[in-house]
Amino acid sequence: MRVAFFHTELSRPGPGLMLRDIRQGHDQVEAIASVVRHIDPDVLVLADIDYDLQNAGLQALADHIGGYPYLFSKRPNRGLDSQRDLNGDDRLGGPKDVESYAEFFGQGGMGVLSKRRFDLDHFRDFSDTPWAALPGNIALQDGRDPTRLSRTVHWDLPLRLADDRRLHLLIWHATAPVFDGPEDRNGRRNHDETAFWLSFFDGALAADPPPGFVLLGVTNADPFDGESRPQALRRLLQHPKVHDPKPSSEGARAAGDPDHRGPPELDTVDWPSGTDRPGNLRVDYVLPSSNLTVENAGVVWPLDGMPLSDDVRLASRHRLVWVDIYLPKLATTEN
């Protein structure tokens, strides 16, 4: 089975604009479809997809790409009214009183396209987990932090396999660890959104981890470079329940920043480098559980001038990351 993750950058600044651009065949949409068709994953987790109640935007994208009869999305925390006075202006419902910043509710959500059925009876949504409930959290303790840990989502979405088995997709999109002040609230939140999975795998939460999974998401953190607090990510990549296949590409190596410490071939995003600019980093991940066999893995970042290079560049600054896993080793049947 091929499992892939793609931060699409399809989000738009207003409700319905993403749906409009998909239906009109915007050049970016065509490029995204071309990249996805080329890799042809069995299941594809998408970031930066604007959410709507009928999933019209995600359905339109699925129809445009073709070949994905099953889709899933659920409301994210982006732009969700916290019903608290988070900015201390003695008013509720203001733009700074949302669980995480967005220009409108649902902007920059997540979605999943699949060739296999979902097992929604066993779906678990941890997106409403209070930040303060995370064991060992490093949140600021001054009452200004958002109620929920998740900037976007934390999902456990199972896929149905043969013989009543399930493969769980563990999905998240962490906040950027910048755009704040010396208190580093965003950096702290970014760290803890990844640390959530450590607590999950170690049995420190009130939910048991599944026997077989693929962890997919945007960490907005690199284990070696950038301005994040990388400790949680480093621990996650070395966790005994997680296998890091280290997907790579020659295109990423060629575009790498020589001043960075991390292996450039592992980078997944083409960000500018320079003063106050992070340069290319590894921030997009597909991490199977250690009891699954990884057959192949890669980052879709062709060298300039090679087939698909123009579409990859137009589609998103982020690159699609994919992993091929061999499923028969996953033999545990869940209740």
C-alpha atoms as a PDB file:
ATOM      1  CA  MET A   1       0.000   0.000   0.000  1.00  0.00           C
ATOM      2  CA  ARG A   2       1.268   3.453  -0.891  1.00  0.00           C
ATOM      3  CA  VAL A   3       0.504   6.126   1.718  1.00  0.00           C
ATOM      4  CA  ALA A   4       1.226   9.774   0.978  1.00  0.00           C
ATOM      5  CA  PHE A   5       1.047  13.206   2.550  1.00  0.00           C
ATOM      6  CA  PHE A   6       0.784  16.515   0.689  1.00  0.00           C
ATOM      7  CA  HIS A   7       0.654  20.027   2.107  1.00  0.00           C
ATOM      8  CA  THR A   8      -1.211  21.534  -0.832  1.00  0.00           C
ATOM      9  CA  GLU A   9      -1.225  25.270   0.007  1.00  0.00           C
ATOM     10  CA  LEU A  10      -4.668  25.266  -1.606  1.00  0.00           C
ATOM     11  CA  SER A  11      -6.227  27.328   1.183  1.00  0.00           C
ATOM     12  CA  ARG A  12      -7.676  30.631   0.075  1.00  0.00           C
ATOM     13  CA  PRO A  13      -8.398  33.911   1.961  1.00  0.00           C
ATOM     14  CA  GLY A  14     -12.178  33.554   1.926  1.00  0.00           C
ATOM     15  CA  PRO A  15     -14.927  30.906   2.137  1.00  0.00           C
ATOM     16  CA  GLY A  16     -15.706  29.202  -1.172  1.00  0.00           C
ATOM     17  CA  LEU A  17     -12.663  30.542  -3.023  1.00  0.00           C
ATOM     18  CA  MET A  18     -10.834  27.208  -2.961  1.00  0.00           C
ATOM     19  CA  LEU A  19     -13.924  25.452  -4.319  1.00  0.00           C
ATOM     20  CA  ARG A  20     -14.189  28.078  -7.070  1.00  0.00           C
ATOM     21  CA  ASP A  21     -10.572  27.606  -8.117  1.00  0.00           C
ATOM     22  CA  ILE A  22     -10.871  23.822  -8.153  1.00  0.00           C
ATOM     23  CA  ARG A  23     -13.999  23.933 -10.283  1.00  0.00           C
ATOM     24  CA  GLN A  24     -12.381  26.415 -12.671  1.00  0.00           C
ATOM     25  CA  GLY A  25      -9.278  24.252 -13.065  1.00  0.00           C
ATOM     26  CA  HIS A  26      -6.821  26.785 -11.642  1.00  0.00           C
ATOM     27  CA  ASP A  27      -3.216  26.140 -12.735  1.00  0.00           C
ATOM     28  CA  GLN A  28      -2.222  25.199  -9.184  1.00  0.00           C
ATOM     29  CA  VAL A  29      -5.067  22.690  -9.009  1.00  0.00           C
ATOM     30  CA  GLU A  30      -4.003  21.123 -12.293  1.00  0.00           C
ATOM     31  CA  ALA A  31      -0.431  20.867 -11.025  1.00  0.00           C
ATOM     32  CA  ILE A  32      -1.518  19.223  -7.753  1.00  0.00           C
ATOM     33  CA  ALA A  33      -3.642  16.723  -9.671  1.00  0.00           C
ATOM     34  CA  SER A  34      -0.711  15.936 -11.961  1.00  0.00           C
ATOM     35  CA  VAL A  35       1.636  15.258  -9.035  1.00  0.00           C
ATOM     36  CA  VAL A  36      -0.916  13.061  -7.244  1.00  0.00           C
ATOM     37  CA  ARG A  37      -1.735  11.059 -10.373  1.00  0.00           C
ATOM     38  CA  HIS A  38       1.965  10.479 -11.006  1.00  0.00           C
ATOM     39  CA  ILE A  39       2.531   9.001  -7.534  1.00  0.00           C
ATOM     40  CA  ASP A  40      -0.913   7.346  -7.399  1.00  0.00           C
ATOM     41  CA  PRO A  41      -1.094   6.682  -3.642  1.00  0.00           C
ATOM     42  CA  ASP A  42      -3.720   4.354  -2.218  1.00  0.00           C
ATOM     43  CA  VAL A  43      -4.436   6.871   0.512  1.00  0.00           C
ATOM     44  CA  LEU A  44      -3.540  10.560   0.496  1.00  0.00           C
ATOM     45  CA  VAL A  45      -3.653  12.904   3.481  1.00  0.00           C
ATOM     46  CA  LEU A  46      -3.945  16.554   2.479  1.00  0.00           C
ATOM     47  CA  ALA A  47      -3.088  19.664   4.471  1.00  0.00           C
ATOM     48  CA  ASP A  48      -4.215  23.256   3.898  1.00  0.00           C
ATOM     49  CA  ILE A  49      -7.623  22.275   2.543  1.00  0.00           C
ATOM     50  CA  ASP A  50     -10.409  24.722   3.437  1.00  0.00           C
ATOM     51  CA  TYR A  51     -13.179  22.951   5.305  1.00  0.00           C
ATOM     52  CA  ASP A  52     -16.880  23.301   4.565  1.00  0.00           C
ATOM     53  CA  LEU A  53     -19.802  21.444   6.122  1.00  0.00           C
ATOM     54  CA  GLN A  54     -20.643  19.443   2.981  1.00  0.00           C
ATOM     55  CA  ASN A  55     -16.979  18.748   2.086  1.00  0.00           C
ATOM     56  CA  ALA A  56     -17.730  20.302  -1.279  1.00  0.00           C
ATOM     57  CA  GLY A  57     -14.177  21.558  -1.732  1.00  0.00           C
ATOM     58  CA  LEU A  58     -12.569  18.221  -0.910  1.00  0.00           C
ATOM     59  CA  GLN A  59     -15.089  16.369  -3.101  1.00  0.00           C
ATOM     60  CA  ALA A  60     -14.371  18.699  -6.007  1.00  0.00           C
ATOM     61  CA  LEU A  61     -10.652  18.054  -5.642  1.00  0.00           C
ATOM     62  CA  ALA A  62     -11.224  14.290  -5.479  1.00  0.00           C
ATOM     63  CA  ASP A  63     -13.346  14.468  -8.629  1.00  0.00           C
ATOM     64  CA  HIS A  64     -10.690  16.541 -10.380  1.00  0.00           C
ATOM     65  CA  ILE A  65      -7.890  14.116  -9.544  1.00  0.00           C
ATOM     66  CA  GLY A  66     -10.020  10.998 -10.114  1.00  0.00           C
ATOM     67  CA  GLY A  67      -9.683   7.520  -8.675  1.00  0.00           C
ATOM     68  CA  TYR A  68     -10.566   8.254  -5.028  1.00  0.00           C
ATOM     69  CA  PRO A  69     -14.073   7.088  -4.155  1.00  0.00           C
ATOM     70  CA  TYR A  70     -13.694   7.708  -0.406  1.00  0.00           C
ATOM     71  CA  LEU A  71     -12.989  10.995   1.296  1.00  0.00           C
ATOM     72  CA  PHE A  72     -12.934  12.258   4.852  1.00  0.00           C
ATOM     73  CA  SER A  73     -12.750  15.573   6.606  1.00  0.00           C
ATOM     74  CA  LYS A  74     -14.004  17.040   9.858  1.00  0.00           C
ATOM     75  CA  ARG A  75     -14.036  20.527  11.246  1.00  0.00           C
ATOM     76  CA  PRO A  76     -10.627  21.793  12.370  1.00  0.00           C
ATOM     77  CA  ASN A  77      -9.800  24.171  15.186  1.00  0.00           C
ATOM     78  CA  ARG A  78      -8.743  26.850  12.733  1.00  0.00           C
ATOM     79  CA  GLY A  79     -10.989  29.861  13.247  1.00  0.00           C
ATOM     80  CA  LEU A  80     -13.199  28.030  15.756  1.00  0.00           C
ATOM     81  CA  ASP A  81     -14.682  30.369  18.367  1.00  0.00           C
ATOM     82  CA  SER A  82     -13.279  29.399  21.766  1.00  0.00           C
ATOM     83  CA  GLN A  83     -16.156  31.146  23.571  1.00  0.00           C
ATOM     84  CA  ARG A  84     -13.495  32.616  25.840  1.00  0.00           C
ATOM     85  CA  ASP A  85     -11.932  36.058  26.081  1.00  0.00           C
ATOM     86  CA  LEU A  86      -8.465  34.956  25.004  1.00  0.00           C
ATOM     87  CA  ASN A  87      -7.066  38.420  24.329  1.00  0.00           C
ATOM     88  CA  GLY A  88      -8.398  40.050  27.515  1.00  0.00           C
ATOM     89  CA  ASP A  89     -10.486  42.765  25.868  1.00  0.00           C
ATOM     90  CA  ASP A  90     -13.588  41.863  27.915  1.00  0.00           C
ATOM     91  CA  ARG A  91     -15.417  40.773  24.755  1.00  0.00           C
ATOM     92  CA  LEU A  92     -16.286  37.373  23.359  1.00  0.00           C
ATOM     93  CA  GLY A  93     -16.329  36.253  19.753  1.00  0.00           C
ATOM     94  CA  GLY A  94     -13.553  38.511  18.497  1.00  0.00           C
ATOM     95  CA  PRO A  95     -11.012  37.496  15.827  1.00  0.00           C
ATOM     96  CA  LYS A  96      -8.424  36.833  18.547  1.00  0.00           C
ATOM     97  CA  ASP A  97     -10.789  34.663  20.588  1.00  0.00           C
ATOM     98  CA  VAL A  98     -10.525  31.657  18.270  1.00  0.00           C
ATOM     99  CA  GLU A  99      -8.788  28.380  19.101  1.00  0.00           C
ATOM    100  CA  SER A 100      -6.199  29.087  16.425  1.00  0.00           C
ATOM    101  CA  TYR A 101      -5.866  31.918  13.969  1.00  0.00           C
ATOM    102  CA  ALA A 102      -7.634  31.818  10.624  1.00  0.00           C
ATOM    103  CA  GLU A 103      -9.265  34.361   8.343  1.00  0.00           C
ATOM    104  CA  PHE A 104     -12.485  32.339   8.526  1.00  0.00           C
ATOM    105  CA  PHE A 105     -13.700  29.194  10.264  1.00  0.00           C
ATOM    106  CA  GLY A 106     -12.300  26.089   8.593  1.00  0.00           C
ATOM    107  CA  GLN A 107      -9.515  27.787   6.677  1.00  0.00           C
ATOM    108  CA  GLY A 108      -6.499  25.530   6.275  1.00  0.00           C
ATOM    109  CA  GLY A 109      -8.079  22.291   7.446  1.00  0.00           C
ATOM    110  CA  MET A 110      -7.175  18.740   6.488  1.00  0.00           C
ATOM    111  CA  GLY A 111      -8.712  16.018   4.357  1.00  0.00           C
ATOM    112  CA  VAL A 112      -8.098  12.437   3.288  1.00  0.00           C
ATOM    113  CA  LEU A 113      -8.652  10.753  -0.086  1.00  0.00           C
ATOM    114  CA  SER A 114      -8.617   6.980  -0.228  1.00  0.00           C
ATOM    115  CA  LYS A 115      -9.122   3.980  -2.485  1.00  0.00           C
ATOM    116  CA  ARG A 116     -10.076   1.951   0.593  1.00  0.00           C
ATOM    117  CA  ARG A 117     -13.003   2.378   2.934  1.00  0.00           C
ATOM    118  CA  PHE A 118     -12.633   4.182   6.236  1.00  0.00           C
ATOM    119  CA  ASP A 119     -13.732   2.563   9.476  1.00  0.00           C
ATOM    120  CA  LEU A 120     -15.544   5.538  10.943  1.00  0.00           C
ATOM    121  CA  ASP A 121     -16.921   3.488  13.828  1.00  0.00           C
ATOM    122  CA  HIS A 122     -13.411   3.503  15.271  1.00  0.00           C
ATOM    123  CA  PHE A 123     -12.456   7.067  14.327  1.00  0.00           C
ATOM    124  CA  ARG A 124     -11.070   9.110  17.220  1.00  0.00           C
ATOM    125  CA  ASP A 125     -10.801  12.901  17.247  1.00  0.00           C
ATOM    126  CA  PHE A 126      -8.367  14.331  19.801  1.00  0.00           C
ATOM    127  CA  SER A 127      -8.605  17.879  18.451  1.00  0.00           C
ATOM    128  CA  ASP A 128     -10.491  19.125  21.515  1.00  0.00           C
ATOM    129  CA  THR A 129      -7.766  17.971  23.932  1.00  0.00           C
ATOM    130  CA  PRO A 130      -6.998  20.862  26.325  1.00  0.00           C
ATOM    131  CA  TRP A 131      -3.398  21.986  26.054  1.00  0.00           C
ATOM    132  CA  ALA A 132      -3.111  21.868  29.833  1.00  0.00           C
ATOM    133  CA  ALA A 133      -4.165  18.182  29.807  1.00  0.00           C
ATOM    134  CA  LEU A 134      -1.062  17.075  27.924  1.00  0.00           C
ATOM    135  CA  PRO A 135       1.387  15.483  30.373  1.00  0.00           C
ATOM    136  CA  GLY A 136       4.602  17.487  30.614  1.00  0.00           C
ATOM    137  CA  ASN A 137       3.297  20.360  28.476  1.00  0.00           C
ATOM    138  CA  ILE A 138       5.366  23.530  28.203  1.00  0.00           C
ATOM    139  CA  ALA A 139       2.445  25.927  27.745  1.00  0.00           C
ATOM    140  CA  LEU A 140       2.570  29.387  29.237  1.00  0.00           C
ATOM    141  CA  GLN A 141       0.717  29.396  32.535  1.00  0.00           C
ATOM    142  CA  ASP A 142      -0.725  32.904  32.364  1.00  0.00           C
ATOM    143  CA  GLY A 143      -4.222  32.135  31.067  1.00  0.00           C
ATOM    144  CA  ARG A 144      -3.582  33.450  27.553  1.00  0.00           C
ATOM    145  CA  ASP A 145      -3.012  30.128  25.830  1.00  0.00           C
ATOM    146  CA  PRO A 146      -5.816  28.637  23.749  1.00  0.00           C
ATOM    147  CA  THR A 147      -7.990  26.035  25.364  1.00  0.00           C
ATOM    148  CA  ARG A 148      -7.105  23.333  22.852  1.00  0.00           C
ATOM    149  CA  LEU A 149      -3.702  21.940  22.007  1.00  0.00           C
ATOM    150  CA  SER A 150      -4.369  21.330  18.305  1.00  0.00           C
ATOM    151  CA  ARG A 151      -3.877  24.250  15.976  1.00  0.00           C
ATOM    152  CA  THR A 152      -5.663  22.260  13.266  1.00  0.00           C
ATOM    153  CA  VAL A 153      -6.474  18.616  14.151  1.00  0.00           C
ATOM    154  CA  HIS A 154      -5.221  15.476  15.871  1.00  0.00           C
ATOM    155  CA  TRP A 155      -7.028  12.508  14.293  1.00  0.00           C
ATOM    156  CA  ASP A 156      -6.907   8.720  14.456  1.00  0.00           C
ATOM    157  CA  LEU A 157      -8.628   7.624  11.236  1.00  0.00           C
ATOM    158  CA  PRO A 158      -8.660   3.848  10.549  1.00  0.00           C
ATOM    159  CA  LEU A 159      -8.697   2.247   7.118  1.00  0.00           C
ATOM    160  CA  ARG A 160     -10.428  -1.087   6.643  1.00  0.00           C
ATOM    161  CA  LEU A 161      -8.166  -3.946   5.625  1.00  0.00           C
ATOM    162  CA  ALA A 162      -8.890  -7.619   4.994  1.00  0.00           C
ATOM    163  CA  ASP A 163      -9.842  -9.977   7.820  1.00  0.00           C
ATOM    164  CA  ASP A 164     -11.217  -7.221  10.054  1.00  0.00           C
ATOM    165  CA  ARG A 165      -7.817  -5.590  10.395  1.00  0.00           C
ATOM    166  CA  ARG A 166      -7.309  -1.836  10.414  1.00  0.00           C
ATOM    167  CA  LEU A 167      -4.483   0.523   9.531  1.00  0.00           C
ATOM    168  CA  HIS A 168      -4.743   3.731  11.521  1.00  0.00           C
ATOM    169  CA  LEU A 169      -3.865   7.090  10.008  1.00  0.00           C
ATOM    170  CA  LEU A 170      -2.630   9.409  12.758  1.00  0.00           C
ATOM    171  CA  ILE A 171      -2.918  12.929  11.395  1.00  0.00           C
ATOM    172  CA  TRP A 172      -1.920  16.400  12.556  1.00  0.00           C
ATOM    173  CA  HIS A 173      -0.736  19.831  11.385  1.00  0.00           C
ATOM    174  CA  ALA A 174       1.253  21.785  13.954  1.00  0.00           C
ATOM    175  CA  THR A 175       1.368  25.546  14.217  1.00  0.00           C
ATOM    176  CA  ALA A 176       4.350  27.477  12.896  1.00  0.00           C
ATOM    177  CA  PRO A 177       6.848  28.101  15.725  1.00  0.00           C
ATOM    178  CA  VAL A 178       7.234  31.780  14.785  1.00  0.00           C
ATOM    179  CA  PHE A 179       5.072  34.917  14.456  1.00  0.00           C
ATOM    180  CA  ASP A 180       4.992  35.557  18.201  1.00  0.00           C
ATOM    181  CA  GLY A 181       7.085  37.343  20.824  1.00  0.00           C
ATOM    182  CA  PRO A 182       9.839  36.458  23.287  1.00  0.00           C
ATOM    183  CA  GLU A 183       7.408  34.276  25.248  1.00  0.00           C
ATOM    184  CA  ASP A 184       7.542  31.852  22.284  1.00  0.00           C
ATOM    185  CA  ARG A 185       3.925  30.773  22.632  1.00  0.00           C
ATOM    186  CA  ASN A 186       3.788  29.417  19.082  1.00  0.00           C
ATOM    187  CA  GLY A 187       7.082  27.607  19.553  1.00  0.00           C
ATOM    188  CA  ARG A 188       5.775  25.998  22.736  1.00  0.00           C
ATOM    189  CA  ARG A 189       2.542  24.974  21.076  1.00  0.00           C
ATOM    190  CA  ASN A 190       4.366  23.573  18.072  1.00  0.00           C
ATOM    191  CA  HIS A 191       6.516  21.433  20.370  1.00  0.00           C
ATOM    192  CA  ASP A 192       3.559  20.126  22.346  1.00  0.00           C
ATOM    193  CA  GLU A 193       1.473  19.287  19.282  1.00  0.00           C
ATOM    194  CA  THR A 194       4.168  16.811  18.296  1.00  0.00           C
ATOM    195  CA  ALA A 195       4.748  15.747  21.919  1.00  0.00           C
ATOM    196  CA  PHE A 196       1.076  14.693  21.987  1.00  0.00           C
ATOM    197  CA  TRP A 197       1.983  11.609  19.941  1.00  0.00           C
ATOM    198  CA  LEU A 198       4.777  10.713  22.351  1.00  0.00           C
ATOM    199  CA  SER A 199       2.298  10.702  25.229  1.00  0.00           C
ATOM    200  CA  PHE A 200      -0.150   8.744  23.066  1.00  0.00           C
ATOM    201  CA  PHE A 201       2.379   6.038  22.200  1.00  0.00           C
ATOM    202  CA  ASP A 202       3.657   5.830  25.771  1.00  0.00           C
ATOM    203  CA  GLY A 203       0.171   5.247  27.198  1.00  0.00           C
ATOM    204  CA  ALA A 204       0.108   8.545  29.112  1.00  0.00           C
ATOM    205  CA  LEU A 205      -3.287   9.552  27.681  1.00  0.00           C
ATOM    206  CA  ALA A 206      -6.746   8.098  28.236  1.00  0.00           C
ATOM    207  CA  ALA A 207      -6.625   6.466  24.781  1.00  0.00           C
ATOM    208  CA  ASP A 208      -4.709   3.379  23.739  1.00  0.00           C
ATOM    209  CA  PRO A 209      -2.435   3.570  20.685  1.00  0.00           C
ATOM    210  CA  PRO A 210      -3.361   1.281  17.776  1.00  0.00           C
ATOM    211  CA  PRO A 211      -1.244  -1.773  16.902  1.00  0.00           C
ATOM    212  CA  GLY A 212      -0.544  -0.627  13.347  1.00  0.00           C
ATOM    213  CA  PHE A 213      -0.454   2.956  12.095  1.00  0.00           C
ATOM    214  CA  VAL A 214       1.043   5.544   9.801  1.00  0.00           C
ATOM    215  CA  LEU A 215       1.698   8.949  11.337  1.00  0.00           C
ATOM    216  CA  LEU A 216       1.285  11.743   8.787  1.00  0.00           C
ATOM    217  CA  GLY A 217       1.495  15.483   9.153  1.00  0.00           C
ATOM    218  CA  VAL A 218       3.203  18.824   9.060  1.00  0.00           C
ATOM    219  CA  THR A 219       5.437  19.381  12.060  1.00  0.00           C
ATOM    220  CA  ASN A 220       6.489  22.878  10.970  1.00  0.00           C
ATOM    221  CA  ALA A 221       9.724  21.806  12.640  1.00  0.00           C
ATOM    222  CA  ASP A 222      12.973  20.293  11.441  1.00  0.00           C
ATOM    223  CA  PRO A 223      15.035  18.030  13.730  1.00  0.00           C
ATOM    224  CA  PHE A 224      18.231  19.969  12.937  1.00  0.00           C
ATOM    225  CA  ASP A 225      17.472  23.417  11.530  1.00  0.00           C
ATOM    226  CA  GLY A 226      15.048  26.317  11.841  1.00  0.00           C
ATOM    227  CA  GLU A 227      13.635  28.165  14.848  1.00  0.00           C
ATOM    228  CA  SER A 228      11.521  25.447  16.443  1.00  0.00           C
ATOM    229  CA  ARG A 229      12.002  23.537  19.678  1.00  0.00           C
ATOM    230  CA  PRO A 230      12.945  20.202  18.035  1.00  0.00           C
ATOM    231  CA  GLN A 231      13.228  18.018  21.131  1.00  0.00           C
ATOM    232  CA  ALA A 232       9.797  16.384  20.774  1.00  0.00           C
ATOM    233  CA  LEU A 233      10.314  15.748  17.056  1.00  0.00           C
ATOM    234  CA  ARG A 234      13.713  14.157  17.639  1.00  0.00           C
ATOM    235  CA  ARG A 235      12.239  11.873  20.274  1.00  0.00           C
ATOM    236  CA  LEU A 236       9.348  10.983  17.966  1.00  0.00           C
ATOM    237  CA  LEU A 237      11.691  10.023  15.115  1.00  0.00           C
ATOM    238  CA  GLN A 238      13.588   7.740  17.509  1.00  0.00           C
ATOM    239  CA  HIS A 239      10.559   6.294  19.293  1.00  0.00           C
ATOM    240  CA  PRO A 240      10.549   2.457  19.317  1.00  0.00           C
ATOM    241  CA  LYS A 241       6.979   2.348  17.939  1.00  0.00           C
ATOM    242  CA  VAL A 242       7.859   4.590  14.975  1.00  0.00           C
ATOM    243  CA  HIS A 243       9.923   3.832  11.879  1.00  0.00           C
ATOM    244  CA  ASP A 244      11.471   6.762  10.030  1.00  0.00           C
ATOM    245  CA  PRO A 245      12.061   5.618   6.427  1.00  0.00           C
ATOM    246  CA  LYS A 246      13.835   8.929   5.672  1.00  0.00           C
ATOM    247  CA  PRO A 247      12.283   9.603   2.248  1.00  0.00           C
ATOM    248  CA  SER A 248      14.674  11.545   0.054  1.00  0.00           C
ATOM    249  CA  SER A 249      15.142  13.045  -3.386  1.00  0.00           C
ATOM    250  CA  GLU A 250      17.955  14.337  -5.555  1.00  0.00           C
ATOM    251  CA  GLY A 251      15.994  17.520  -6.203  1.00  0.00           C
ATOM    252  CA  ALA A 252      15.903  18.324  -2.507  1.00  0.00           C
ATOM    253  CA  ARG A 253      19.642  17.699  -2.260  1.00  0.00           C
ATOM    254  CA  ALA A 254      20.326  20.034  -5.186  1.00  0.00           C
ATOM    255  CA  ALA A 255      18.172  22.774  -3.655  1.00  0.00           C
ATOM    256  CA  GLY A 256      19.523  22.328  -0.116  1.00  0.00           C
ATOM    257  CA  ASP A 257      20.901  25.150   2.012  1.00  0.00           C
ATOM    258  CA  PRO A 258      24.652  24.607   2.609  1.00  0.00           C
ATOM    259  CA  ASP A 259      24.428  26.400   5.967  1.00  0.00           C
ATOM    260  CA  HIS A 260      21.940  23.873   7.350  1.00  0.00           C
ATOM    261  CA  ARG A 261      23.015  20.916   9.471  1.00  0.00           C
ATOM    262  CA  GLY A 262      20.313  18.478   8.367  1.00  0.00           C
ATOM    263  CA  PRO A 263      20.683  16.206   5.322  1.00  0.00           C
ATOM    264  CA  PRO A 264      19.383  18.310   2.404  1.00  0.00           C
ATOM    265  CA  GLU A 265      18.011  15.284   0.556  1.00  0.00           C
ATOM    266  CA  LEU A 266      15.456  14.847   3.359  1.00  0.00           C
ATOM    267  CA  ASP A 267      14.003  18.349   2.983  1.00  0.00           C
ATOM    268  CA  THR A 268      10.335  18.556   2.038  1.00  0.00           C
ATOM    269  CA  VAL A 269       9.645  22.263   1.586  1.00  0.00           C
ATOM    270  CA  ASP A 270      11.180  24.832  -0.737  1.00  0.00           C
ATOM    271  CA  TRP A 271      11.268  27.938   1.474  1.00  0.00           C
ATOM    272  CA  PRO A 272      13.482  30.938   0.705  1.00  0.00           C
ATOM    273  CA  SER A 273      16.695  31.275   2.685  1.00  0.00           C
ATOM    274  CA  GLY A 274      18.366  34.398   4.021  1.00  0.00           C
ATOM    275  CA  THR A 275      17.806  36.900   6.797  1.00  0.00           C
ATOM    276  CA  ASP A 276      14.699  35.922   8.791  1.00  0.00           C
ATOM    277  CA  ARG A 277      13.967  33.165   6.257  1.00  0.00           C
ATOM    278  CA  PRO A 278      14.299  29.511   7.240  1.00  0.00           C
ATOM    279  CA  GLY A 279      15.424  27.989   3.937  1.00  0.00           C
ATOM    280  CA  ASN A 280      14.500  24.453   2.925  1.00  0.00           C
ATOM    281  CA  LEU A 281      13.555  22.183   5.834  1.00  0.00           C
ATOM    282  CA  ARG A 282      12.153  18.733   6.541  1.00  0.00           C
ATOM    283  CA  VAL A 283       8.680  19.483   7.922  1.00  0.00           C
ATOM    284  CA  ASP A 284       6.358  16.969   6.167  1.00  0.00           C
ATOM    285  CA  TYR A 285       6.315  13.401   7.470  1.00  0.00           C
ATOM    286  CA  VAL A 286       4.998   9.912   6.733  1.00  0.00           C
ATOM    287  CA  LEU A 287       6.079   7.635   9.595  1.00  0.00           C
ATOM    288  CA  PRO A 288       4.831   4.016   9.684  1.00  0.00           C
ATOM    289  CA  SER A 289       4.707   2.041  12.896  1.00  0.00           C
ATOM    290  CA  SER A 290       7.790  -0.083  13.486  1.00  0.00           C
ATOM    291  CA  ASN A 291       5.819  -3.340  13.036  1.00  0.00           C
ATOM    292  CA  LEU A 292       5.174  -2.535   9.366  1.00  0.00           C
ATOM    293  CA  THR A 293       7.618  -3.338   6.569  1.00  0.00           C
ATOM    294  CA  VAL A 294       8.660  -0.329   4.480  1.00  0.00           C
ATOM    295  CA  GLU A 295       9.410  -1.284   0.873  1.00  0.00           C
ATOM    296  CA  ASN A 296      10.152   2.146  -0.579  1.00  0.00           C
ATOM    297  CA  ALA A 297       9.802   5.842   0.206  1.00  0.00           C
ATOM    298  CA  GLY A 298      10.438   9.183  -1.437  1.00  0.00           C
ATOM    299  CA  VAL A 299       9.930  12.923  -1.695  1.00  0.00           C
ATOM    300  CA  VAL A 300       8.551  14.163  -5.025  1.00  0.00           C
ATOM    301  CA  TRP A 301      11.190  16.758  -5.815  1.00  0.00           C
ATOM    302  CA  PRO A 302      12.589  16.187  -9.320  1.00  0.00           C
ATOM    303  CA  LEU A 303      15.633  18.071 -10.513  1.00  0.00           C
ATOM    304  CA  ASP A 304      14.919  21.179 -12.578  1.00  0.00           C
ATOM    305  CA  GLY A 305      14.182  20.301 -16.184  1.00  0.00           C
ATOM    306  CA  MET A 306      13.112  16.762 -15.395  1.00  0.00           C
ATOM    307  CA  PRO A 307       9.561  15.488 -16.065  1.00  0.00           C
ATOM    308  CA  LEU A 308       7.024  16.799 -13.540  1.00  0.00           C
ATOM    309  CA  SER A 309       9.413  19.477 -12.211  1.00  0.00           C
ATOM    310  CA  ASP A 310       7.258  22.378 -13.411  1.00  0.00           C
ATOM    311  CA  ASP A 311       4.098  20.879 -11.902  1.00  0.00           C
ATOM    312  CA  VAL A 312       5.834  20.167  -8.596  1.00  0.00           C
ATOM    313  CA  ARG A 313       7.045  23.759  -8.354  1.00  0.00           C
ATOM    314  CA  LEU A 314       3.626  25.195  -9.267  1.00  0.00           C
ATOM    315  CA  ALA A 315       1.624  22.904  -7.008  1.00  0.00           C
ATOM    316  CA  SER A 316       3.054  23.953  -3.646  1.00  0.00           C
ATOM    317  CA  ARG A 317       6.243  24.979  -1.899  1.00  0.00           C
ATOM    318  CA  HIS A 318       5.814  21.687   0.001  1.00  0.00           C
ATOM    319  CA  ARG A 319       6.607  18.396  -1.692  1.00  0.00           C
ATOM    320  CA  LEU A 320       4.469  15.276  -1.621  1.00  0.00           C
ATOM    321  CA  VAL A 321       5.993  12.591   0.631  1.00  0.00           C
ATOM    322  CA  TRP A 322       5.118   8.909   0.091  1.00  0.00           C
ATOM    323  CA  VAL A 323       5.899   5.543   1.651  1.00  0.00           C
ATOM    324  CA  ASP A 324       5.170   2.017   0.377  1.00  0.00           C
ATOM    325  CA  ILE A 325       4.330  -0.407   3.183  1.00  0.00           C
ATOM    326  CA  TYR A 326       3.807  -4.157   3.175  1.00  0.00           C
ATOM    327  CA  LEU A 327       0.629  -4.906   5.075  1.00  0.00           C
ATOM    328  CA  PRO A 328       0.599  -8.674   5.788  1.00  0.00           C
ATOM    329  CA  LYS A 329       3.014  -8.148   8.685  1.00  0.00           C
ATOM    330  CA  LEU A 330       0.191  -6.245  10.400  1.00  0.00           C
ATOM    331  CA  ALA A 331      -1.560  -9.287  11.822  1.00  0.00           C
ATOM    332  CA  THR A 332      -3.168  -7.937  14.957  1.00  0.00           C
ATOM    333  CA  THR A 333      -6.969  -7.941  14.976  1.00  0.00           C
ATOM    334  CA  GLU A 334      -8.599  -5.250  17.097  1.00  0.00           C
ATOM    335  CA  ASN A 335     -11.827  -5.537  19.004  1.00  0.00           C
END
